[in-house]
Amino acid sequence: MSAHLSPRAAAAVLRDGGVIAYPAEGVWGLGCDPASRQAVLRLLRIKQRPVEKGLILIAASLGQLRPWIDADALPRDNWKAVIESWPGPNTWVLPAAAGAPAWITGAHSGIAVRVSAHPDVVAVCSAFGGALVSTSANSSGAEPARERDRLDPALLALIDGVLQGETGGLFQPTSIRDALSGQVLRS
């Protein structure tokens, strides 16, 4: 079984290229350092998710997302709607920064990002010093875990630790909206 980690210990695991499970707003997530190609590809293998789908990044602050997004490519009113929804359980697809790697964006020109208000997410992102990958802690197509004891033991055997905490009480994963079009991609 994977070790239970404090935010500080989880940050060390992330810096070493590890993959962790952590509680988010509605479900448990899998995370790693988005700048580490090796860690992201490992996470995708664990999850059995194709790289072309892209991944969400979650952060404690807008500053942690700045290297990943091109905020200047978004009209001012659209940017205002994004900023006013954060921190909170709102994921937005924003124009990706020129240097955003394909192992994060997948086959897309945008990048899905969220500034979370969840205290455990804020703590681990703050300790890590940056955004982390956020995808549900389940094999692709399987039901996401809403409680720690519902995490798949086979998945836990493949990761490097579990952040202590509980989900934020949403009954489903966060909504995803396209910041350019306003279109709801997941409600």
Protein backbone atom coordinates (compact mmCIF):
# COMPACT_ATOMS: atom_id res chain seq x y z
CA MET A 1 0.00 0.00 0.00
CA SER A 2 1.23 3.50 -0.79
CA ALA A 3 2.56 5.67 2.01
CA HIS A 4 0.37 8.40 3.52
CA LEU A 5 2.09 11.70 2.80
CA SER A 6 2.04 15.16 4.30
CA PRO A 7 2.03 18.03 1.77
CA ARG A 8 5.76 18.53 2.32
CA ALA A 9 6.54 14.82 1.79
CA ALA A 10 4.24 14.74 -1.26
CA ALA A 11 6.12 17.73 -2.73
CA ALA A 12 9.41 15.84 -2.30
CA VAL A 13 7.93 12.82 -4.10
CA LEU A 14 6.75 15.10 -6.93
CA ARG A 15 10.18 16.74 -7.23
CA ASP A 16 11.73 13.26 -7.49
CA GLY A 17 9.49 12.42 -10.46
CA GLY A 18 6.92 10.45 -8.48
CA VAL A 19 3.18 10.01 -8.91
CA ILE A 20 0.79 10.62 -6.02
CA ALA A 21 -2.91 10.31 -5.30
CA TYR A 22 -4.53 13.31 -3.63
CA PRO A 23 -8.00 14.51 -2.66
CA ALA A 24 -9.49 17.23 -4.85
CA GLU A 25 -12.84 19.01 -4.90
CA GLY A 26 -15.00 16.06 -5.95
CA VAL A 27 -12.85 12.98 -6.50
CA TRP A 28 -9.40 11.64 -5.75
CA GLY A 29 -6.81 12.64 -8.31
CA LEU A 30 -3.51 11.38 -9.62
CA GLY A 31 -0.77 13.96 -9.88
CA CYS A 32 2.82 14.48 -10.86
CA ASP A 33 5.16 17.25 -11.97
CA PRO A 34 3.79 18.45 -15.32
CA ALA A 35 7.27 19.55 -16.43
CA SER A 36 8.59 15.99 -16.10
CA ARG A 37 7.88 14.09 -19.31
CA GLN A 38 8.92 10.84 -17.64
CA ALA A 39 6.54 11.35 -14.68
CA VAL A 40 3.62 12.33 -16.91
CA LEU A 41 4.10 9.36 -19.22
CA ARG A 42 4.28 7.06 -16.20
CA LEU A 43 1.03 8.55 -14.83
CA LEU A 44 -0.63 8.03 -18.22
CA ARG A 45 0.50 4.38 -18.26
CA ILE A 46 -0.85 3.85 -14.74
CA LYS A 47 -4.17 5.42 -15.71
CA GLN A 48 -4.22 3.74 -19.15
CA ARG A 49 -4.98 7.13 -20.72
CA PRO A 50 -3.76 8.15 -24.18
CA VAL A 51 -1.49 11.22 -24.25
CA GLU A 52 -3.62 12.73 -27.06
CA LYS A 53 -6.45 13.47 -24.60
CA GLY A 54 -4.38 16.01 -22.69
CA LEU A 55 -4.38 16.62 -18.95
CA ILE A 56 -5.62 19.17 -16.42
CA LEU A 57 -3.20 21.21 -14.33
CA ILE A 58 -4.25 22.30 -10.85
CA ALA A 59 -2.61 25.04 -8.80
CA ALA A 60 -2.72 27.02 -5.58
CA SER A 61 -2.46 30.35 -7.40
CA LEU A 62 -2.65 31.92 -10.83
CA GLY A 63 1.10 32.52 -10.67
CA GLN A 64 1.70 28.76 -10.67
CA LEU A 65 -0.23 28.47 -13.96
CA ARG A 66 1.37 31.44 -15.77
CA PRO A 67 4.20 29.38 -17.35
CA TRP A 68 1.62 27.04 -18.89
CA ILE A 69 -0.92 29.47 -20.36
CA ASP A 70 -1.02 32.35 -22.84
CA ALA A 71 -3.28 34.79 -20.99
CA ASP A 72 -2.70 37.49 -23.63
CA ALA A 73 -4.44 35.32 -26.25
CA LEU A 74 -7.72 35.53 -24.31
CA PRO A 75 -10.09 38.50 -24.71
CA ARG A 76 -10.30 40.69 -21.58
CA ASP A 77 -13.96 39.82 -20.78
CA ASN A 78 -13.25 36.11 -21.11
CA TRP A 79 -10.20 36.44 -18.85
CA LYS A 80 -12.33 38.31 -16.30
CA ALA A 81 -14.82 35.40 -16.16
CA VAL A 82 -11.98 32.94 -15.55
CA ILE A 83 -10.37 35.02 -12.80
CA GLU A 84 -13.69 35.65 -11.04
CA SER A 85 -14.35 31.89 -10.86
CA TRP A 86 -11.08 31.18 -9.01
CA PRO A 87 -10.11 29.88 -6.62
CA GLY A 88 -12.78 27.26 -6.90
CA PRO A 89 -13.97 24.07 -8.61
CA ASN A 90 -13.90 25.57 -12.12
CA THR A 91 -11.59 24.16 -14.77
CA TRP A 92 -11.01 26.27 -17.86
CA VAL A 93 -9.39 25.43 -21.18
CA LEU A 94 -7.12 28.38 -21.90
CA PRO A 95 -4.74 29.02 -24.78
CA ALA A 96 -1.55 27.09 -24.05
CA ALA A 97 1.79 28.85 -23.74
CA ALA A 98 4.12 28.33 -26.68
CA GLY A 99 6.34 26.08 -24.57
CA ALA A 100 3.57 23.89 -23.14
CA PRO A 101 4.58 20.31 -23.99
CA ALA A 102 2.39 17.89 -25.94
CA TRP A 103 2.49 15.42 -23.04
CA ILE A 104 0.25 17.94 -21.22
CA THR A 105 -1.80 19.53 -24.05
CA GLY A 106 -2.28 16.30 -25.98
CA ALA A 107 -3.75 16.93 -29.41
CA HIS A 108 -5.13 20.33 -28.33
CA SER A 109 -4.00 23.95 -28.69
CA GLY A 110 -5.43 24.77 -25.28
CA ILE A 111 -4.62 23.60 -21.79
CA ALA A 112 -7.12 22.76 -19.03
CA VAL A 113 -6.25 24.53 -15.76
CA ARG A 114 -7.75 25.28 -12.35
CA VAL A 115 -6.82 27.37 -9.32
CA SER A 116 -8.22 25.31 -6.47
CA ALA A 117 -9.61 26.40 -3.12
CA HIS A 118 -9.30 22.85 -1.74
CA PRO A 119 -6.98 23.13 1.29
CA ASP A 120 -5.08 19.90 0.58
CA VAL A 121 -4.49 20.87 -3.06
CA VAL A 122 -3.38 24.36 -2.02
CA ALA A 123 -1.01 22.86 0.59
CA VAL A 124 0.67 20.39 -1.78
CA CYS A 125 0.95 22.88 -4.67
CA SER A 126 2.38 25.48 -2.28
CA ALA A 127 4.89 22.99 -0.87
CA PHE A 128 5.80 21.83 -4.38
CA GLY A 129 6.07 25.39 -5.64
CA GLY A 130 4.02 24.90 -8.78
CA ALA A 131 1.07 23.37 -10.55
CA LEU A 132 0.60 19.63 -10.76
CA VAL A 133 -1.20 17.26 -13.07
CA SER A 134 -4.77 16.55 -12.04
CA THR A 135 -6.58 13.54 -13.44
CA SER A 136 -9.00 11.27 -11.62
CA ALA A 137 -7.39 8.43 -9.68
CA ASN A 138 -8.82 5.55 -11.64
CA SER A 139 -8.14 3.59 -14.80
CA SER A 140 -9.64 5.28 -17.84
CA GLY A 141 -13.33 4.45 -18.03
CA ALA A 142 -13.60 3.26 -14.41
CA GLU A 143 -15.61 5.11 -11.77
CA PRO A 144 -13.55 7.80 -9.98
CA ALA A 145 -13.01 7.36 -6.24
CA ARG A 146 -14.76 9.85 -3.98
CA GLU A 147 -13.27 8.44 -0.76
CA ARG A 148 -9.76 7.28 0.10
CA ASP A 149 -10.88 3.73 0.85
CA ARG A 150 -12.41 3.49 -2.65
CA LEU A 151 -9.05 3.92 -4.40
CA ASP A 152 -8.22 0.82 -6.44
CA PRO A 153 -5.54 -1.23 -4.60
CA ALA A 154 -3.98 -2.16 -7.96
CA LEU A 155 -3.58 1.56 -8.75
CA LEU A 156 -2.18 2.29 -5.27
CA ALA A 157 0.49 -0.37 -5.83
CA LEU A 158 1.76 1.56 -8.87
CA ILE A 159 2.10 5.03 -7.31
CA ASP A 160 4.52 6.55 -4.81
CA GLY A 161 2.19 7.83 -2.09
CA VAL A 162 -1.18 9.22 -1.05
CA LEU A 163 -1.63 12.75 0.27
CA GLN A 164 -3.52 12.80 3.55
CA GLY A 165 -6.95 14.43 3.38
CA GLU A 166 -10.49 14.18 2.09
CA THR A 167 -12.29 15.34 -1.03
CA GLY A 168 -14.10 18.65 -0.94
CA GLY A 169 -17.62 17.28 -1.13
CA LEU A 170 -18.57 17.85 -4.78
CA PHE A 171 -20.53 14.93 -6.15
CA GLN A 172 -18.64 14.80 -9.45
CA PRO A 173 -15.42 16.07 -11.00
CA THR A 174 -15.21 19.83 -11.60
CA SER A 175 -16.86 21.48 -14.57
CA ILE A 176 -14.70 22.23 -17.62
CA ARG A 177 -15.39 25.23 -19.86
CA ASP A 178 -13.63 26.59 -22.91
CA ALA A 179 -12.52 30.13 -22.06
CA LEU A 180 -12.54 31.28 -25.71
CA SER A 181 -16.00 30.02 -26.67
CA GLY A 182 -17.67 29.72 -23.26
CA GLN A 183 -18.75 26.19 -24.25
CA VAL A 184 -19.25 23.74 -21.36
CA LEU A 185 -17.11 20.68 -22.07
CA ARG A 186 -17.98 18.83 -18.84
CA SER A 187 -20.71 19.80 -16.41
